[in-house]
Amino acid sequence: MPHRAEIWWAEVPGDKVRPVLVLTRERFIVRLHSVLVAPVTSRVRGIPTEVELTEQDGLPRACAANLDNLFTLRRERLRERIALLPAVRMDEVCRAYRFAAGC
């Protein structure tokens, strides 16, 4: 079962297996068939809607969670847990999301 703030290898429709960051509120994950995720990409652009991630975050190499391109993904497409981001990193994710959403 995935949890909020976890990064998973996922089968993304029309794409390869790629890492995604789970954003769905923790208490609703068990009730939903799909979760809201942010793609994690090796293309780091250094923009306010990204959160840069490193090996210290448990990733195999430097990358970024992209909060401009959120999508829902069925839970069964999540294959393997990679890492769990600490609360301080999720604060950065929430700031990037607010910027992306114009909130």
PDB file of N, CA and C in Angstrom:
ATOM      1  N   MET A   1       0.853  -1.177   0.000  1.00  0.00           N
ATOM      2  CA  MET A   1       0.000   0.000   0.000  1.00  0.00           C
ATOM      3  C   MET A   1       0.898   1.240   0.000  1.00  0.00           C
ATOM      4  N   PRO A   2       0.681   2.136  -0.942  1.00  0.00           N
ATOM      5  CA  PRO A   2       1.483   3.370  -0.964  1.00  0.00           C
ATOM      6  C   PRO A   2       1.054   4.332   0.142  1.00  0.00           C
ATOM      7  N   HIS A   3       1.939   5.248   0.451  1.00  0.00           N
ATOM      8  CA  HIS A   3       1.674   6.296   1.431  1.00  0.00           C
ATOM      9  C   HIS A   3       2.088   7.639   0.854  1.00  0.00           C
ATOM     10  N   ARG A   4       1.451   8.698   1.345  1.00  0.00           N
ATOM     11  CA  ARG A   4       1.821  10.054   0.954  1.00  0.00           C
ATOM     12  C   ARG A   4       3.312  10.259   1.239  1.00  0.00           C
ATOM     13  N   ALA A   5       3.973  10.967   0.344  1.00  0.00           N
ATOM     14  CA  ALA A   5       5.394  11.324   0.449  1.00  0.00           C
ATOM     15  C   ALA A   5       6.332  10.211   0.000  1.00  0.00           C
ATOM     16  N   GLU A   6       5.797   9.074  -0.435  1.00  0.00           N
ATOM     17  CA  GLU A   6       6.661   8.012  -0.942  1.00  0.00           C
ATOM     18  C   GLU A   6       6.904   8.197  -2.434  1.00  0.00           C
ATOM     19  N   ILE A   7       8.087   7.796  -2.854  1.00  0.00           N
ATOM     20  CA  ILE A   7       8.417   7.757  -4.277  1.00  0.00           C
ATOM     21  C   ILE A   7       8.436   6.289  -4.679  1.00  0.00           C
ATOM     22  N   TRP A   8       7.745   5.994  -5.782  1.00  0.00           N
ATOM     23  CA  TRP A   8       7.598   4.618  -6.272  1.00  0.00           C
ATOM     24  C   TRP A   8       8.012   4.529  -7.734  1.00  0.00           C
ATOM     25  N   TRP A   9       8.523   3.358  -8.131  1.00  0.00           N
ATOM     26  CA  TRP A   9       8.608   3.026  -9.544  1.00  0.00           C
ATOM     27  C   TRP A   9       7.184   2.676  -9.966  1.00  0.00           C
ATOM     28  N   ALA A  10       6.729   3.240 -11.076  1.00  0.00           N
ATOM     29  CA  ALA A  10       5.343   3.032 -11.510  1.00  0.00           C
ATOM     30  C   ALA A  10       5.274   2.803 -13.009  1.00  0.00           C
ATOM     31  N   GLU A  11       4.300   2.004 -13.408  1.00  0.00           N
ATOM     32  CA  GLU A  11       3.999   1.816 -14.826  1.00  0.00           C
ATOM     33  C   GLU A  11       3.095   2.964 -15.244  1.00  0.00           C
ATOM     34  N   VAL A  12       3.656   3.906 -15.975  1.00  0.00           N
ATOM     35  CA  VAL A  12       2.913   5.086 -16.407  1.00  0.00           C
ATOM     36  C   VAL A  12       2.366   4.816 -17.804  1.00  0.00           C
ATOM     37  N   PRO A  13       1.044   4.911 -18.005  1.00  0.00           N
ATOM     38  CA  PRO A  13       0.469   4.636 -19.322  1.00  0.00           C
ATOM     39  C   PRO A  13       1.131   5.478 -20.412  1.00  0.00           C
ATOM     40  N   GLY A  14       1.458   4.809 -21.521  1.00  0.00           N
ATOM     41  CA  GLY A  14       2.063   5.501 -22.654  1.00  0.00           C
ATOM     42  C   GLY A  14       3.507   5.895 -22.416  1.00  0.00           C
ATOM     43  N   ASP A  15       4.115   5.394 -21.364  1.00  0.00           N
ATOM     44  CA  ASP A  15       5.480   5.769 -21.007  1.00  0.00           C
ATOM     45  C   ASP A  15       6.172   4.528 -20.468  1.00  0.00           C
ATOM     46  N   LYS A  16       7.386   4.706 -20.065  1.00  0.00           N
ATOM     47  CA  LYS A  16       8.154   3.626 -19.453  1.00  0.00           C
ATOM     48  C   LYS A  16       7.845   3.549 -17.959  1.00  0.00           C
ATOM     49  N   VAL A  17       8.463   2.621 -17.301  1.00  0.00           N
ATOM     50  CA  VAL A  17       8.401   2.601 -15.840  1.00  0.00           C
ATOM     51  C   VAL A  17       9.225   3.783 -15.356  1.00  0.00           C
ATOM     52  N   ARG A  18       8.621   4.602 -14.523  1.00  0.00           N
ATOM     53  CA  ARG A  18       9.308   5.816 -14.069  1.00  0.00           C
ATOM     54  C   ARG A  18       8.963   6.093 -12.615  1.00  0.00           C
ATOM     55  N   PRO A  19       9.776   6.902 -11.945  1.00  0.00           N
ATOM     56  CA  PRO A  19       9.462   7.235 -10.559  1.00  0.00           C
ATOM     57  C   PRO A  19       8.370   8.297 -10.465  1.00  0.00           C
ATOM     58  N   VAL A  20       7.529   8.147  -9.451  1.00  0.00           N
ATOM     59  CA  VAL A  20       6.476   9.130  -9.170  1.00  0.00           C
ATOM     60  C   VAL A  20       6.425   9.363  -7.662  1.00  0.00           C
ATOM     61  N   LEU A  21       6.005  10.557  -7.293  1.00  0.00           N
ATOM     62  CA  LEU A  21       5.842  10.936  -5.888  1.00  0.00           C
ATOM     63  C   LEU A  21       4.355  10.931  -5.553  1.00  0.00           C
ATOM     64  N   VAL A  22       3.958  10.169  -4.543  1.00  0.00           N
ATOM     65  CA  VAL A  22       2.552  10.068  -4.138  1.00  0.00           C
ATOM     66  C   VAL A  22       2.169  11.311  -3.329  1.00  0.00           C
ATOM     67  N   LEU A  23       1.068  11.974  -3.757  1.00  0.00           N
ATOM     68  CA  LEU A  23       0.615  13.213  -3.130  1.00  0.00           C
ATOM     69  C   LEU A  23      -0.742  13.101  -2.433  1.00  0.00           C
ATOM     70  N   THR A  24      -1.489  12.052  -2.715  1.00  0.00           N
ATOM     71  CA  THR A  24      -2.828  11.893  -2.137  1.00  0.00           C
ATOM     72  C   THR A  24      -2.769  11.930  -0.611  1.00  0.00           C
ATOM     73  N   ARG A  25      -3.775  12.581  -0.016  1.00  0.00           N
ATOM     74  CA  ARG A  25      -3.863  12.640   1.452  1.00  0.00           C
ATOM     75  C   ARG A  25      -3.873  11.227   2.029  1.00  0.00           C
ATOM     76  N   GLU A  26      -3.092  11.044   3.056  1.00  0.00           N
ATOM     77  CA  GLU A  26      -2.857   9.712   3.634  1.00  0.00           C
ATOM     78  C   GLU A  26      -4.150   8.973   3.978  1.00  0.00           C
ATOM     79  N   ARG A  27      -5.078   9.625   4.631  1.00  0.00           N
ATOM     80  CA  ARG A  27      -6.260   8.896   5.110  1.00  0.00           C
ATOM     81  C   ARG A  27      -7.203   8.451   3.998  1.00  0.00           C
ATOM     82  N   PHE A  28      -7.026   8.953   2.771  1.00  0.00           N
ATOM     83  CA  PHE A  28      -7.911   8.571   1.674  1.00  0.00           C
ATOM     84  C   PHE A  28      -7.301   7.535   0.738  1.00  0.00           C
ATOM     85  N   ILE A  29      -6.016   7.273   0.865  1.00  0.00           N
ATOM     86  CA  ILE A  29      -5.361   6.339  -0.053  1.00  0.00           C
ATOM     87  C   ILE A  29      -6.032   4.972  -0.028  1.00  0.00           C
ATOM     88  N   VAL A  30      -6.378   4.465   1.140  1.00  0.00           N
ATOM     89  CA  VAL A  30      -6.983   3.126   1.235  1.00  0.00           C
ATOM     90  C   VAL A  30      -8.375   3.077   0.613  1.00  0.00           C
ATOM     91  N   ARG A  31      -9.032   4.210   0.491  1.00  0.00           N
ATOM     92  CA  ARG A  31     -10.399   4.251  -0.053  1.00  0.00           C
ATOM     93  C   ARG A  31     -10.437   4.450  -1.563  1.00  0.00           C
ATOM     94  N   LEU A  32      -9.338   4.897  -2.133  1.00  0.00           N
ATOM     95  CA  LEU A  32      -9.314   5.251  -3.547  1.00  0.00           C
ATOM     96  C   LEU A  32      -8.603   4.193  -4.378  1.00  0.00           C
ATOM     97  N   HIS A  33      -9.050   4.035  -5.615  1.00  0.00           N
ATOM     98  CA  HIS A  33      -8.379   3.120  -6.538  1.00  0.00           C
ATOM     99  C   HIS A  33      -7.185   3.790  -7.210  1.00  0.00           C
ATOM    100  N   SER A  34      -7.209   5.118  -7.266  1.00  0.00           N
ATOM    101  CA  SER A  34      -6.134   5.875  -7.907  1.00  0.00           C
ATOM    102  C   SER A  34      -5.554   6.872  -6.919  1.00  0.00           C
ATOM    103  N   VAL A  35      -4.295   7.234  -7.147  1.00  0.00           N
ATOM    104  CA  VAL A  35      -3.631   8.229  -6.307  1.00  0.00           C
ATOM    105  C   VAL A  35      -3.123   9.364  -7.190  1.00  0.00           C
ATOM    106  N   LEU A  36      -3.026  10.546  -6.598  1.00  0.00           N
ATOM    107  CA  LEU A  36      -2.458  11.700  -7.287  1.00  0.00           C
ATOM    108  C   LEU A  36      -0.947  11.619  -7.143  1.00  0.00           C
ATOM    109  N   VAL A  37      -0.245  11.747  -8.279  1.00  0.00           N
ATOM    110  CA  VAL A  37       1.215  11.646  -8.259  1.00  0.00           C
ATOM    111  C   VAL A  37       1.840  12.785  -9.054  1.00  0.00           C
ATOM    112  N   ALA A  38       3.098  13.042  -8.712  1.00  0.00           N
ATOM    113  CA  ALA A  38       3.926  13.973  -9.476  1.00  0.00           C
ATOM    114  C   ALA A  38       5.032  13.151 -10.124  1.00  0.00           C
ATOM    115  N   PRO A  39       5.271  13.343 -11.417  1.00  0.00           N
ATOM    116  CA  PRO A  39       6.375  12.620 -12.044  1.00  0.00           C
ATOM    117  C   PRO A  39       7.709  13.105 -11.491  1.00  0.00           C
ATOM    118  N   VAL A  40       8.641  12.185 -11.391  1.00  0.00           N
ATOM    119  CA  VAL A  40      10.009  12.511 -10.986  1.00  0.00           C
ATOM    120  C   VAL A  40      10.872  12.328 -12.227  1.00  0.00           C
ATOM    121  N   THR A  41      11.607  13.365 -12.581  1.00  0.00           N
ATOM    122  CA  THR A  41      12.354  13.373 -13.833  1.00  0.00           C
ATOM    123  C   THR A  41      13.823  13.702 -13.615  1.00  0.00           C
ATOM    124  N   SER A  42      14.656  13.198 -14.508  1.00  0.00           N
ATOM    125  CA  SER A  42      16.086  13.515 -14.439  1.00  0.00           C
ATOM    126  C   SER A  42      16.378  14.883 -15.046  1.00  0.00           C
ATOM    127  N   ARG A  43      15.386  15.456 -15.725  1.00  0.00           N
ATOM    128  CA  ARG A  43      15.562  16.797 -16.302  1.00  0.00           C
ATOM    129  C   ARG A  43      15.252  17.837 -15.227  1.00  0.00           C
ATOM    130  N   VAL A  44      16.288  18.375 -14.632  1.00  0.00           N
ATOM    131  CA  VAL A  44      16.148  19.376 -13.573  1.00  0.00           C
ATOM    132  C   VAL A  44      16.285  20.751 -14.208  1.00  0.00           C
ATOM    133  N   ARG A  45      15.207  21.541 -14.132  1.00  0.00           N
ATOM    134  CA  ARG A  45      15.202  22.863 -14.776  1.00  0.00           C
ATOM    135  C   ARG A  45      15.398  24.005 -13.792  1.00  0.00           C
ATOM    136  N   GLY A  46      15.310  23.720 -12.507  1.00  0.00           N
ATOM    137  CA  GLY A  46      15.520  24.760 -11.509  1.00  0.00           C
ATOM    138  C   GLY A  46      14.429  25.814 -11.469  1.00  0.00           C
ATOM    139  N   ILE A  47      13.175  25.378 -11.684  1.00  0.00           N
ATOM    140  CA  ILE A  47      12.044  26.310 -11.682  1.00  0.00           C
ATOM    141  C   ILE A  47      11.239  26.135 -10.393  1.00  0.00           C
ATOM    142  N   PRO A  48      10.426  27.124 -10.029  1.00  0.00           N
ATOM    143  CA  PRO A  48       9.706  27.074  -8.743  1.00  0.00           C
ATOM    144  C   PRO A  48       8.702  25.930  -8.602  1.00  0.00           C
ATOM    145  N   THR A  49       8.316  25.298  -9.698  1.00  0.00           N
ATOM    146  CA  THR A  49       7.343  24.210  -9.631  1.00  0.00           C
ATOM    147  C   THR A  49       8.009  22.835  -9.563  1.00  0.00           C
ATOM    148  N   GLU A  50       9.307  22.819  -9.340  1.00  0.00           N
ATOM    149  CA  GLU A  50      10.049  21.578  -9.159  1.00  0.00           C
ATOM    150  C   GLU A  50      10.629  21.527  -7.749  1.00  0.00           C
ATOM    151  N   VAL A  51      10.840  20.322  -7.281  1.00  0.00           N
ATOM    152  CA  VAL A  51      11.591  20.112  -6.048  1.00  0.00           C
ATOM    153  C   VAL A  51      12.752  19.188  -6.408  1.00  0.00           C
ATOM    154  N   GLU A  52      13.948  19.711  -6.286  1.00  0.00           N
ATOM    155  CA  GLU A  52      15.127  18.910  -6.602  1.00  0.00           C
ATOM    156  C   GLU A  52      15.331  17.844  -5.536  1.00  0.00           C
ATOM    157  N   LEU A  53      15.641  16.630  -5.993  1.00  0.00           N
ATOM    158  CA  LEU A  53      15.857  15.482  -5.121  1.00  0.00           C
ATOM    159  C   LEU A  53      17.249  14.915  -5.406  1.00  0.00           C
ATOM    160  N   THR A  54      17.866  14.334  -4.391  1.00  0.00           N
ATOM    161  CA  THR A  54      19.228  13.819  -4.539  1.00  0.00           C
ATOM    162  C   THR A  54      19.337  12.421  -3.936  1.00  0.00           C
ATOM    163  N   GLU A  55      20.556  11.907  -3.967  1.00  0.00           N
ATOM    164  CA  GLU A  55      20.821  10.618  -3.340  1.00  0.00           C
ATOM    165  C   GLU A  55      20.498  10.663  -1.845  1.00  0.00           C
ATOM    166  N   GLN A  56      20.645  11.823  -1.219  1.00  0.00           N
ATOM    167  CA  GLN A  56      20.319  11.956   0.209  1.00  0.00           C
ATOM    168  C   GLN A  56      18.831  11.727   0.476  1.00  0.00           C
ATOM    169  N   ASP A  57      18.003  11.905  -0.560  1.00  0.00           N
ATOM    170  CA  ASP A  57      16.562  11.650  -0.440  1.00  0.00           C
ATOM    171  C   ASP A  57      16.221  10.196  -0.753  1.00  0.00           C
ATOM    172  N   GLY A  58      17.244   9.382  -1.054  1.00  0.00           N
ATOM    173  CA  GLY A  58      17.021   7.971  -1.350  1.00  0.00           C
ATOM    174  C   GLY A  58      16.881   7.651  -2.824  1.00  0.00           C
ATOM    175  N   LEU A  59      17.126   8.634  -3.693  1.00  0.00           N
ATOM    176  CA  LEU A  59      17.020   8.427  -5.131  1.00  0.00           C
ATOM    177  C   LEU A  59      18.360   7.957  -5.694  1.00  0.00           C
ATOM    178  N   PRO A  60      18.338   7.199  -6.800  1.00  0.00           N
ATOM    179  CA  PRO A  60      19.597   6.701  -7.349  1.00  0.00           C
ATOM    180  C   PRO A  60      20.492   7.797  -7.940  1.00  0.00           C
ATOM    181  N   ARG A  61      19.891   8.929  -8.315  1.00  0.00           N
ATOM    182  CA  ARG A  61      20.671  10.053  -8.856  1.00  0.00           C
ATOM    183  C   ARG A  61      19.861  11.331  -8.708  1.00  0.00           C
ATOM    184  N   ALA A  62      20.498  12.456  -8.992  1.00  0.00           N
ATOM    185  CA  ALA A  62      19.814  13.751  -8.891  1.00  0.00           C
ATOM    186  C   ALA A  62      18.648  13.800  -9.878  1.00  0.00           C
ATOM    187  N   CYS A  63      17.524  14.334  -9.413  1.00  0.00           N
ATOM    188  CA  CYS A  63      16.325  14.436 -10.236  1.00  0.00           C
ATOM    189  C   CYS A  63      15.422  15.489  -9.615  1.00  0.00           C
ATOM    190  N   ALA A  64      14.188  15.604 -10.122  1.00  0.00           N
ATOM    191  CA  ALA A  64      13.254  16.591  -9.587  1.00  0.00           C
ATOM    192  C   ALA A  64      11.823  16.070  -9.684  1.00  0.00           C
ATOM    193  N   ALA A  65      11.032  16.372  -8.660  1.00  0.00           N
ATOM    194  CA  ALA A  65       9.590  16.136  -8.715  1.00  0.00           C
ATOM    195  C   ALA A  65       8.982  17.335  -9.421  1.00  0.00           C
ATOM    196  N   ASN A  66       8.190  17.076 -10.454  1.00  0.00           N
ATOM    197  CA  ASN A  66       7.610  18.130 -11.283  1.00  0.00           C
ATOM    198  C   ASN A  66       6.150  18.334 -10.890  1.00  0.00           C
ATOM    199  N   LEU A  67       5.848  19.463 -10.255  1.00  0.00           N
ATOM    200  CA  LEU A  67       4.492  19.727  -9.781  1.00  0.00           C
ATOM    201  C   LEU A  67       3.625  20.402 -10.831  1.00  0.00           C
ATOM    202  N   ASP A  68       4.162  20.635 -12.024  1.00  0.00           N
ATOM    203  CA  ASP A  68       3.367  21.175 -13.130  1.00  0.00           C
ATOM    204  C   ASP A  68       2.587  20.090 -13.857  1.00  0.00           C
ATOM    205  N   ASN A  69       2.979  18.837 -13.723  1.00  0.00           N
ATOM    206  CA  ASN A  69       2.406  17.756 -14.527  1.00  0.00           C
ATOM    207  C   ASN A  69       1.826  16.635 -13.676  1.00  0.00           C
ATOM    208  N   LEU A  70       1.001  16.988 -12.703  1.00  0.00           N
ATOM    209  CA  LEU A  70       0.376  15.989 -11.842  1.00  0.00           C
ATOM    210  C   LEU A  70      -0.616  15.146 -12.632  1.00  0.00           C
ATOM    211  N   PHE A  71      -0.780  13.893 -12.207  1.00  0.00           N
ATOM    212  CA  PHE A  71      -1.786  13.032 -12.825  1.00  0.00           C
ATOM    213  C   PHE A  71      -2.211  11.970 -11.820  1.00  0.00           C
ATOM    214  N   THR A  72      -3.338  11.311 -12.114  1.00  0.00           N
ATOM    215  CA  THR A  72      -3.774  10.208 -11.260  1.00  0.00           C
ATOM    216  C   THR A  72      -3.297   8.902 -11.871  1.00  0.00           C
ATOM    217  N   LEU A  73      -3.051   7.960 -10.999  1.00  0.00           N
ATOM    218  CA  LEU A  73      -2.526   6.671 -11.417  1.00  0.00           C
ATOM    219  C   LEU A  73      -3.180   5.602 -10.548  1.00  0.00           C
ATOM    220  N   ARG A  74      -3.624   4.528 -11.173  1.00  0.00           N
ATOM    221  CA  ARG A  74      -4.216   3.432 -10.398  1.00  0.00           C
ATOM    222  C   ARG A  74      -3.159   2.832  -9.478  1.00  0.00           C
ATOM    223  N   ARG A  75      -3.564   2.546  -8.257  1.00  0.00           N
ATOM    224  CA  ARG A  75      -2.616   2.039  -7.253  1.00  0.00           C
ATOM    225  C   ARG A  75      -1.865   0.799  -7.715  1.00  0.00           C
ATOM    226  N   GLU A  76      -2.534  -0.067  -8.467  1.00  0.00           N
ATOM    227  CA  GLU A  76      -1.866  -1.311  -8.877  1.00  0.00           C
ATOM    228  C   GLU A  76      -0.723  -1.081  -9.869  1.00  0.00           C
ATOM    229  N   ARG A  77      -0.613   0.130 -10.402  1.00  0.00           N
ATOM    230  CA  ARG A  77       0.508   0.453 -11.303  1.00  0.00           C
ATOM    231  C   ARG A  77       1.779   0.832 -10.540  1.00  0.00           C
ATOM    232  N   LEU A  78       1.660   1.003  -9.236  1.00  0.00           N
ATOM    233  CA  LEU A  78       2.841   1.287  -8.414  1.00  0.00           C
ATOM    234  C   LEU A  78       3.553  -0.039  -8.157  1.00  0.00           C
ATOM    235  N   ARG A  79       4.808  -0.129  -8.544  1.00  0.00           N
ATOM    236  CA  ARG A  79       5.523  -1.404  -8.521  1.00  0.00           C
ATOM    237  C   ARG A  79       6.465  -1.590  -7.341  1.00  0.00           C
ATOM    238  N   GLU A  80       7.306  -0.603  -7.064  1.00  0.00           N
ATOM    239  CA  GLU A  80       8.312  -0.775  -6.016  1.00  0.00           C
ATOM    240  C   GLU A  80       8.599   0.566  -5.349  1.00  0.00           C
ATOM    241  N   ARG A  81       8.584   0.555  -4.039  1.00  0.00           N
ATOM    242  CA  ARG A  81       8.872   1.777  -3.278  1.00  0.00           C
ATOM    243  C   ARG A  81      10.358   2.087  -3.372  1.00  0.00           C
ATOM    244  N   ILE A  82      10.658   3.359  -3.643  1.00  0.00           N
ATOM    245  CA  ILE A  82      12.048   3.802  -3.744  1.00  0.00           C
ATOM    246  C   ILE A  82      12.476   4.525  -2.473  1.00  0.00           C
ATOM    247  N   ALA A  83      11.648   5.452  -2.009  1.00  0.00           N
ATOM    248  CA  ALA A  83      12.054   6.304  -0.889  1.00  0.00           C
ATOM    249  C   ALA A  83      10.835   6.935  -0.233  1.00  0.00           C
ATOM    250  N   LEU A  84      11.053   7.462   0.959  1.00  0.00           N
ATOM    251  CA  LEU A  84      10.055   8.244   1.686  1.00  0.00           C
ATOM    252  C   LEU A  84      10.666   9.605   1.967  1.00  0.00           C
ATOM    253  N   LEU A  85      10.007  10.671   1.503  1.00  0.00           N
ATOM    254  CA  LEU A  85      10.519  12.016   1.749  1.00  0.00           C
ATOM    255  C   LEU A  85      10.147  12.466   3.155  1.00  0.00           C
ATOM    256  N   PRO A  86      11.075  13.092   3.858  1.00  0.00           N
ATOM    257  CA  PRO A  86      10.754  13.611   5.190  1.00  0.00           C
ATOM    258  C   PRO A  86       9.826  14.818   5.101  1.00  0.00           C
ATOM    259  N   ALA A  87       9.236  15.181   6.221  1.00  0.00           N
ATOM    260  CA  ALA A  87       8.258  16.277   6.266  1.00  0.00           C
ATOM    261  C   ALA A  87       8.829  17.581   5.726  1.00  0.00           C
ATOM    262  N   VAL A  88      10.080  17.869   6.020  1.00  0.00           N
ATOM    263  CA  VAL A  88      10.673  19.125   5.542  1.00  0.00           C
ATOM    264  C   VAL A  88      10.718  19.163   4.012  1.00  0.00           C
ATOM    265  N   ARG A  89      10.956  18.018   3.377  1.00  0.00           N
ATOM    266  CA  ARG A  89      10.966  17.960   1.903  1.00  0.00           C
ATOM    267  C   ARG A  89       9.537  18.074   1.368  1.00  0.00           C
ATOM    268  N   MET A  90       8.571  17.476   2.077  1.00  0.00           N
ATOM    269  CA  MET A  90       7.180  17.596   1.637  1.00  0.00           C
ATOM    270  C   MET A  90       6.684  19.028   1.773  1.00  0.00           C
ATOM    271  N   ASP A  91       7.213  19.788   2.715  1.00  0.00           N
ATOM    272  CA  ASP A  91       6.887  21.217   2.787  1.00  0.00           C
ATOM    273  C   ASP A  91       7.318  21.911   1.501  1.00  0.00           C
ATOM    274  N   GLU A  92       8.484  21.547   0.971  1.00  0.00           N
ATOM    275  CA  GLU A  92       8.954  22.109  -0.297  1.00  0.00           C
ATOM    276  C   GLU A  92       8.030  21.694  -1.442  1.00  0.00           C
ATOM    277  N   VAL A  93       7.591  20.440  -1.418  1.00  0.00           N
ATOM    278  CA  VAL A  93       6.662  19.946  -2.442  1.00  0.00           C
ATOM    279  C   VAL A  93       5.367  20.752  -2.393  1.00  0.00           C
ATOM    280  N   CYS A  94       4.838  20.995  -1.210  1.00  0.00           N
ATOM    281  CA  CYS A  94       3.591  21.753  -1.071  1.00  0.00           C
ATOM    282  C   CYS A  94       3.756  23.190  -1.559  1.00  0.00           C
ATOM    283  N   ARG A  95       4.907  23.798  -1.286  1.00  0.00           N
ATOM    284  CA  ARG A  95       5.160  25.157  -1.795  1.00  0.00           C
ATOM    285  C   ARG A  95       5.200  25.165  -3.321  1.00  0.00           C
ATOM    286  N   ALA A  96       5.863  24.172  -3.897  1.00  0.00           N
ATOM    287  CA  ALA A  96       5.948  24.087  -5.360  1.00  0.00           C
ATOM    288  C   ALA A  96       4.561  23.860  -5.964  1.00  0.00           C
ATOM    289  N   TYR A  97       3.732  23.042  -5.298  1.00  0.00           N
ATOM    290  CA  TYR A  97       2.375  22.810  -5.790  1.00  0.00           C
ATOM    291  C   TYR A  97       1.545  24.092  -5.731  1.00  0.00           C
ATOM    292  N   ARG A  98       1.646  24.826  -4.632  1.00  0.00           N
ATOM    293  CA  ARG A  98       0.899  26.088  -4.528  1.00  0.00           C
ATOM    294  C   ARG A  98       1.321  27.048  -5.638  1.00  0.00           C
ATOM    295  N   PHE A  99       2.597  27.088  -5.938  1.00  0.00           N
ATOM    296  CA  PHE A  99       3.079  27.941  -7.023  1.00  0.00           C
ATOM    297  C   PHE A  99       2.497  27.465  -8.355  1.00  0.00           C
ATOM    298  N   ALA A 100       2.527  26.153  -8.599  1.00  0.00           N
ATOM    299  CA  ALA A 100       2.011  25.597  -9.855  1.00  0.00           C
ATOM    300  C   ALA A 100       0.518  25.860 -10.016  1.00  0.00           C
ATOM    301  N   ALA A 101      -0.230  25.788  -8.901  1.00  0.00           N
ATOM    302  CA  ALA A 101      -1.682  25.974  -8.951  1.00  0.00           C
ATOM    303  C   ALA A 101      -2.094  27.435  -8.857  1.00  0.00           C
ATOM    304  N   GLY A 102      -1.145  28.307  -8.596  1.00  0.00           N
ATOM    305  CA  GLY A 102      -1.471  29.727  -8.475  1.00  0.00           C
ATOM    306  C   GLY A 102      -2.207  30.048  -7.185  1.00  0.00           C
ATOM    307  N   CYS A 103      -1.991  29.250  -6.139  1.00  0.00           N
ATOM    308  CA  CYS A 103      -2.675  29.455  -4.846  1.00  0.00           C
ATOM    309  C   CYS A 103      -1.863  30.333  -3.923  1.00  0.00           C
TER     310      CYS A 103
END
